[in-house]
Amino acid sequence: MAAADLPEDAKLIAHVLESMGVSEYEPRVIHQLMDLMYRYAADILLDADAYHERAGRPEGGIATEDVLLAIQGREAFTFVPPPPQDVLFEMADQINKKPLPEFAERPGLRIPNKDDSLTAQVYQYVSPNQLAAREQEGDTVMADAAAQPNAAGAAAQAQASMLQPGRAKDRVKGPSSSISTTGIKSN
């Protein structure tokens, strides 16, 4: 679309982008910014109309005070400023006071123990034999599955309970299997 064919609002947005030093962008960026602008303006005017009506003013227009109040209300939720720098420094000091976890002295990549890992969820595989043993022991998961109104619901619950998320510290100790680069190994 040539620059002469663009609507006036699109030309204005292109000019704002140029004034901010943005020289290369996809053509759809202008359309996305126009959509954002129209939605924001419509939301502000709808809020201003609600404030105007709530204030009991006569119909026929929206007062400037209502529009300003709507903008202030949107600003509080839409454009949240970052916290002050001194607050960030205090938070960083609190976090940095905690010592880093100890790493095991071993060759290879030095990573924290599974108990200290916070980024990944640990799953424990429950074999069908263990699942049957839990069912005989009256495990609550199996009791809930048995309470399902049909057999398909109980089977789905039993299937879903075979992979159970949990924290590394909460895992049941015993033989477990994991996958390494050399294949499957048992711990």
Protein backbone atom coordinates (compact mmCIF):
# COMPACT_ATOMS: atom_id res chain seq x y z
CA MET A 1 0.00 0.00 0.00
CA ALA A 2 1.50 3.31 -1.03
CA ALA A 3 1.90 6.11 1.48
CA ALA A 4 -0.76 8.16 -0.33
CA ASP A 5 -3.28 5.32 0.03
CA LEU A 6 -2.90 5.07 3.82
CA PRO A 7 -5.58 6.53 6.09
CA GLU A 8 -4.68 9.64 8.04
CA ASP A 9 -4.31 7.67 11.31
CA ALA A 10 -1.89 5.23 9.66
CA LYS A 11 0.20 8.12 8.34
CA LEU A 12 0.30 9.59 11.84
CA ILE A 13 1.45 6.28 13.34
CA ALA A 14 4.13 5.92 10.63
CA HIS A 15 5.33 9.44 11.46
CA VAL A 16 5.48 8.61 15.19
CA LEU A 17 7.52 5.48 14.43
CA GLU A 18 9.92 7.51 12.28
CA SER A 19 10.30 10.16 14.99
CA MET A 20 11.24 7.42 17.47
CA GLY A 21 14.00 6.17 15.15
CA VAL A 22 12.17 3.10 13.88
CA SER A 23 12.97 2.91 10.20
CA GLU A 24 12.26 -0.75 9.42
CA TYR A 25 9.09 -2.55 10.41
CA GLU A 26 6.57 -4.88 8.85
CA PRO A 27 3.50 -3.24 7.27
CA ARG A 28 1.18 -5.00 9.71
CA VAL A 29 2.79 -3.11 12.62
CA ILE A 30 0.90 0.01 11.58
CA HIS A 31 -2.37 -1.94 11.51
CA GLN A 32 -1.67 -3.48 14.92
CA LEU A 33 -0.90 -0.09 16.42
CA MET A 34 -4.05 1.37 14.85
CA ASP A 35 -6.07 -1.48 16.36
CA LEU A 36 -4.48 -0.83 19.77
CA MET A 37 -5.19 2.89 19.45
CA TYR A 38 -8.84 2.36 18.47
CA ARG A 39 -9.46 -0.21 21.22
CA TYR A 40 -7.82 2.01 23.84
CA ALA A 41 -9.85 5.06 22.75
CA ALA A 42 -13.08 3.07 22.68
CA ASP A 43 -12.43 1.64 26.16
CA ILE A 44 -11.66 5.11 27.53
CA LEU A 45 -14.84 6.57 26.03
CA LEU A 46 -16.98 3.69 27.32
CA ASP A 47 -15.54 4.15 30.81
CA ALA A 48 -16.04 7.92 30.58
CA ASP A 49 -19.66 7.37 29.56
CA ALA A 50 -20.19 5.08 32.56
CA TYR A 51 -18.66 7.71 34.88
CA HIS A 52 -20.82 10.39 33.26
CA GLU A 53 -23.95 8.32 33.80
CA ARG A 54 -22.97 7.42 37.37
CA ALA A 55 -22.40 11.09 38.22
CA GLY A 56 -26.01 11.78 37.22
CA ARG A 57 -25.15 14.34 34.58
CA PRO A 58 -27.63 15.01 31.79
CA GLU A 59 -27.35 12.90 28.65
CA GLY A 60 -25.98 14.30 25.42
CA GLY A 61 -22.23 14.36 25.97
CA ILE A 62 -19.32 13.30 28.09
CA ALA A 63 -17.60 15.82 30.33
CA THR A 64 -13.84 16.36 30.19
CA GLU A 65 -13.58 15.33 33.84
CA ASP A 66 -15.11 11.94 33.00
CA VAL A 67 -12.57 11.32 30.25
CA LEU A 68 -9.70 12.32 32.53
CA LEU A 69 -11.00 10.03 35.25
CA ALA A 70 -11.29 7.15 32.76
CA ILE A 71 -7.71 7.73 31.59
CA GLN A 72 -6.44 7.76 35.17
CA GLY A 73 -8.34 4.56 35.91
CA ARG A 74 -6.90 2.79 32.87
CA GLU A 75 -3.42 4.13 33.55
CA ALA A 76 -3.34 2.47 36.96
CA PHE A 77 -3.88 -0.98 35.44
CA THR A 78 -2.44 -0.71 31.94
CA PHE A 79 0.78 1.25 32.30
CA VAL A 80 2.41 0.14 35.52
CA PRO A 81 5.76 1.86 36.12
CA PRO A 82 8.69 -0.22 37.36
CA PRO A 83 9.47 -0.05 41.07
CA PRO A 84 11.97 2.58 42.23
CA GLN A 85 15.63 1.64 41.97
CA ASP A 86 16.20 1.67 45.74
CA VAL A 87 13.43 -0.92 46.17
CA LEU A 88 15.09 -3.12 43.53
CA PHE A 89 18.44 -2.80 45.33
CA GLU A 90 16.84 -3.82 48.65
CA MET A 91 15.24 -6.86 47.05
CA ALA A 92 18.53 -7.82 45.38
CA ASP A 93 20.35 -7.51 48.72
CA GLN A 94 17.80 -9.78 50.43
CA ILE A 95 18.12 -12.44 47.74
CA ASN A 96 21.91 -12.19 47.54
CA LYS A 97 22.25 -12.75 51.31
CA LYS A 98 21.27 -16.39 50.82
CA PRO A 99 24.32 -18.53 50.03
CA LEU A 100 24.38 -20.50 46.81
CA PRO A 101 23.93 -24.27 47.16
CA GLU A 102 27.06 -26.39 47.36
CA PHE A 103 28.04 -28.26 44.21
CA ALA A 104 29.34 -31.79 44.34
CA GLU A 105 32.99 -32.11 43.33
CA ARG A 106 32.74 -34.35 40.29
CA PRO A 107 33.95 -34.15 36.72
CA GLY A 108 31.65 -32.76 34.05
CA LEU A 109 29.00 -30.10 34.17
CA ARG A 110 28.52 -28.70 37.66
CA ILE A 111 24.79 -28.36 38.31
CA PRO A 112 22.86 -28.19 41.58
CA ASN A 113 21.45 -31.30 43.20
CA LYS A 114 17.90 -32.29 42.31
CA ASP A 115 16.78 -31.22 45.77
CA ASP A 116 18.00 -27.65 45.08
CA SER A 117 16.61 -27.38 41.56
CA LEU A 118 13.69 -24.97 41.30
CA THR A 119 13.26 -24.81 37.54
CA ALA A 120 11.99 -28.27 36.66
CA GLN A 121 9.17 -30.36 38.00
CA VAL A 122 10.18 -33.86 39.00
CA TYR A 123 7.98 -36.73 37.90
CA GLN A 124 7.93 -40.17 39.42
CA TYR A 125 6.92 -43.04 37.18
CA VAL A 126 4.55 -45.48 38.83
CA SER A 127 4.66 -48.85 37.12
CA PRO A 128 1.45 -50.82 36.64
CA ASN A 129 2.68 -53.28 39.31
CA GLN A 130 3.17 -50.47 41.81
CA LEU A 131 -0.21 -49.07 40.83
CA ALA A 132 -1.87 -52.43 41.55
CA ALA A 133 -0.05 -52.62 44.90
CA ARG A 134 -1.28 -49.15 45.81
CA GLU A 135 -4.80 -50.13 44.84
CA GLN A 136 -4.65 -53.09 47.21
CA GLU A 137 -3.28 -50.87 49.98
CA GLY A 138 -6.21 -48.48 49.53
CA ASP A 139 -4.33 -45.51 48.10
CA THR A 140 -6.47 -42.35 47.97
CA VAL A 141 -5.81 -41.82 44.26
CA MET A 142 -7.20 -45.25 43.49
CA ALA A 143 -10.08 -44.73 45.88
CA ASP A 144 -10.99 -41.56 44.00
CA ALA A 145 -10.70 -43.40 40.69
CA ALA A 146 -12.93 -46.19 41.93
CA ALA A 147 -15.55 -43.61 42.91
CA GLN A 148 -15.92 -42.58 39.26
CA PRO A 149 -19.39 -43.41 37.93
CA ASN A 150 -18.12 -45.50 35.03
CA ALA A 151 -15.20 -47.75 34.26
CA ALA A 152 -13.81 -45.36 31.64
CA GLY A 153 -13.47 -42.60 34.24
CA ALA A 154 -11.67 -44.94 36.64
CA ALA A 155 -9.33 -46.11 33.88
CA ALA A 156 -8.56 -42.52 32.88
CA GLN A 157 -7.84 -41.60 36.49
CA ALA A 158 -5.55 -44.61 36.90
CA GLN A 159 -3.75 -43.75 33.65
CA ALA A 160 -3.26 -40.13 34.75
CA SER A 161 -1.90 -41.20 38.13
CA MET A 162 0.93 -43.16 36.52
CA LEU A 163 2.92 -39.94 36.05
CA GLN A 164 2.68 -37.94 39.22
CA PRO A 165 4.27 -34.49 39.58
CA GLY A 166 6.04 -33.72 42.79
CA ARG A 167 9.06 -32.08 44.32
CA ALA A 168 12.37 -33.88 44.50
CA LYS A 169 12.32 -33.83 48.31
CA ASP A 170 8.85 -35.40 48.37
CA ARG A 171 9.71 -38.37 46.17
CA VAL A 172 9.51 -41.87 47.53
CA LYS A 173 12.98 -43.33 47.91
CA GLY A 174 13.66 -46.51 46.03
CA PRO A 175 14.71 -47.69 42.61
CA SER A 176 13.93 -45.20 39.90
CA SER A 177 14.95 -44.96 36.29
CA SER A 178 16.22 -41.99 34.36
CA ILE A 179 17.31 -41.40 30.80
CA SER A 180 20.88 -40.35 30.10
CA THR A 181 22.76 -39.76 26.87
CA THR A 182 24.03 -43.35 26.94
CA GLY A 183 20.59 -44.89 27.37
CA ILE A 184 18.44 -45.84 30.33
CA LYS A 185 20.11 -46.34 33.65
CA SER A 186 18.76 -47.25 37.08
CA ASN A 187 19.69 -45.44 40.26
